Amino acid sequence: MALRFIGIDPESSGGNCPAVWVDDATHEIVIQGWQADEATKKRTQQDSPLLDTEGVIRVPGRMAEILRKALDDLAGS
């Protein structure tokens, strides 16, 4: 697996999640975040059914620059 670390939430304590990587082999973004609560999952399923192999996560808006960097990296590869 060719995961390349992009960044971590600058306000996380102890270096834990949320975090973002780019998979150079599959050209995908990998995101570690907080598991969404049941109300959030239920609401998202109104727009997009959730398969058993999928999950809903949350990342803070303060990570927008980190997500943009991941997207820019993928666009340039």
C-alpha atoms as a PDB file:
ATOM      1  CA  MET A   1       0.000   0.000   0.000  1.00  0.00           C
ATOM      2  CA  ALA A   2       1.361   3.391  -0.989  1.00  0.00           C
ATOM      3  CA  LEU A   3      -0.166   5.690   1.628  1.00  0.00           C
ATOM      4  CA  ARG A   4       1.403   9.122   1.854  1.00  0.00           C
ATOM      5  CA  PHE A   5       0.630  11.141   4.976  1.00  0.00           C
ATOM      6  CA  ILE A   6      -0.785  14.599   4.218  1.00  0.00           C
ATOM      7  CA  GLY A   7      -1.686  16.001   7.605  1.00  0.00           C
ATOM      8  CA  ILE A   8      -3.390  15.718  10.964  1.00  0.00           C
ATOM      9  CA  ASP A   9      -5.871  17.957  12.736  1.00  0.00           C
ATOM     10  CA  PRO A  10      -3.704  20.752  14.122  1.00  0.00           C
ATOM     11  CA  GLU A  11      -5.837  20.826  17.261  1.00  0.00           C
ATOM     12  CA  SER A  12      -5.680  17.100  18.009  1.00  0.00           C
ATOM     13  CA  SER A  13      -4.136  16.180  21.310  1.00  0.00           C
ATOM     14  CA  GLY A  14      -1.459  13.537  21.435  1.00  0.00           C
ATOM     15  CA  GLY A  15      -1.185  13.250  17.653  1.00  0.00           C
ATOM     16  CA  ASN A  16      -4.384  11.248  17.206  1.00  0.00           C
ATOM     17  CA  CYS A  17      -7.141  11.609  14.621  1.00  0.00           C
ATOM     18  CA  PRO A  18      -8.462  13.104  12.416  1.00  0.00           C
ATOM     19  CA  ALA A  19      -5.843  12.655   9.727  1.00  0.00           C
ATOM     20  CA  VAL A  20      -5.582  12.497   5.923  1.00  0.00           C
ATOM     21  CA  TRP A  21      -3.474  10.378   3.543  1.00  0.00           C
ATOM     22  CA  VAL A  22      -3.280   9.971  -0.228  1.00  0.00           C
ATOM     23  CA  ASP A  23      -3.018   6.484  -1.695  1.00  0.00           C
ATOM     24  CA  ASP A  24      -0.715   6.958  -4.670  1.00  0.00           C
ATOM     25  CA  ALA A  25      -1.454   3.486  -6.044  1.00  0.00           C
ATOM     26  CA  THR A  26      -5.248   3.852  -6.174  1.00  0.00           C
ATOM     27  CA  HIS A  27      -5.445   7.661  -6.391  1.00  0.00           C
ATOM     28  CA  GLU A  28      -7.781   7.788  -3.380  1.00  0.00           C
ATOM     29  CA  ILE A  29      -7.947   9.942  -0.282  1.00  0.00           C
ATOM     30  CA  VAL A  30      -7.922   8.061   3.030  1.00  0.00           C
ATOM     31  CA  ILE A  31      -9.475   9.872   5.984  1.00  0.00           C
ATOM     32  CA  GLN A  32      -9.359   8.963   9.645  1.00  0.00           C
ATOM     33  CA  GLY A  33     -11.977  10.755  11.696  1.00  0.00           C
ATOM     34  CA  TRP A  34     -14.559  10.501  14.403  1.00  0.00           C
ATOM     35  CA  GLN A  35     -17.346   7.986  13.893  1.00  0.00           C
ATOM     36  CA  ALA A  36     -20.619   9.723  13.178  1.00  0.00           C
ATOM     37  CA  ASP A  37     -23.433   9.269  15.669  1.00  0.00           C
ATOM     38  CA  GLU A  38     -26.559   7.328  14.748  1.00  0.00           C
ATOM     39  CA  ALA A  39     -28.585  10.475  13.975  1.00  0.00           C
ATOM     40  CA  THR A  40     -25.950  11.643  11.489  1.00  0.00           C
ATOM     41  CA  LYS A  41     -25.738   8.203   9.855  1.00  0.00           C
ATOM     42  CA  LYS A  42     -29.520   8.021   9.585  1.00  0.00           C
ATOM     43  CA  ARG A  43     -29.646  11.473   7.967  1.00  0.00           C
ATOM     44  CA  THR A  44     -26.898  10.703   5.441  1.00  0.00           C
ATOM     45  CA  GLN A  45     -28.721   7.529   4.397  1.00  0.00           C
ATOM     46  CA  GLN A  46     -31.632   9.652   3.198  1.00  0.00           C
ATOM     47  CA  ASP A  47     -29.342  10.798   0.370  1.00  0.00           C
ATOM     48  CA  SER A  48     -27.016   7.822  -0.011  1.00  0.00           C
ATOM     49  CA  PRO A  49     -27.606   4.307   1.370  1.00  0.00           C
ATOM     50  CA  LEU A  50     -24.822   3.066   3.625  1.00  0.00           C
ATOM     51  CA  LEU A  51     -23.410  -0.325   2.682  1.00  0.00           C
ATOM     52  CA  ASP A  52     -21.996  -2.725   5.281  1.00  0.00           C
ATOM     53  CA  THR A  53     -18.520  -1.968   3.939  1.00  0.00           C
ATOM     54  CA  GLU A  54     -18.927   1.812   4.374  1.00  0.00           C
ATOM     55  CA  GLY A  55     -18.850   4.236   7.262  1.00  0.00           C
ATOM     56  CA  VAL A  56     -19.700   7.861   7.952  1.00  0.00           C
ATOM     57  CA  ILE A  57     -16.991   9.938   9.597  1.00  0.00           C
ATOM     58  CA  ARG A  58     -16.645  13.542  10.682  1.00  0.00           C
ATOM     59  CA  VAL A  59     -13.661  15.838  10.238  1.00  0.00           C
ATOM     60  CA  PRO A  60     -13.501  19.429  11.496  1.00  0.00           C
ATOM     61  CA  GLY A  61     -13.728  22.334   9.078  1.00  0.00           C
ATOM     62  CA  ARG A  62     -10.344  23.550  10.320  1.00  0.00           C
ATOM     63  CA  MET A  63      -8.866  20.693   8.256  1.00  0.00           C
ATOM     64  CA  ALA A  64     -10.028  22.232   4.960  1.00  0.00           C
ATOM     65  CA  GLU A  65      -6.466  23.148   3.929  1.00  0.00           C
ATOM     66  CA  ILE A  66      -5.264  19.602   4.603  1.00  0.00           C
ATOM     67  CA  LEU A  67      -8.106  18.174   2.502  1.00  0.00           C
ATOM     68  CA  ARG A  68      -7.363  20.688  -0.280  1.00  0.00           C
ATOM     69  CA  LYS A  69      -3.726  19.608  -0.251  1.00  0.00           C
ATOM     70  CA  ALA A  70      -4.764  15.973  -0.623  1.00  0.00           C
ATOM     71  CA  LEU A  71      -7.056  16.857  -3.527  1.00  0.00           C
ATOM     72  CA  ASP A  72      -4.370  18.987  -5.183  1.00  0.00           C
ATOM     73  CA  ASP A  73      -1.835  16.182  -4.798  1.00  0.00           C
ATOM     74  CA  LEU A  74      -4.189  13.751  -6.504  1.00  0.00           C
ATOM     75  CA  ALA A  75      -4.995  16.195  -9.299  1.00  0.00           C
ATOM     76  CA  GLY A  76      -1.292  16.618  -9.980  1.00  0.00           C
ATOM     77  CA  SER A  77      -0.509  12.922 -10.149  1.00  0.00           C
END
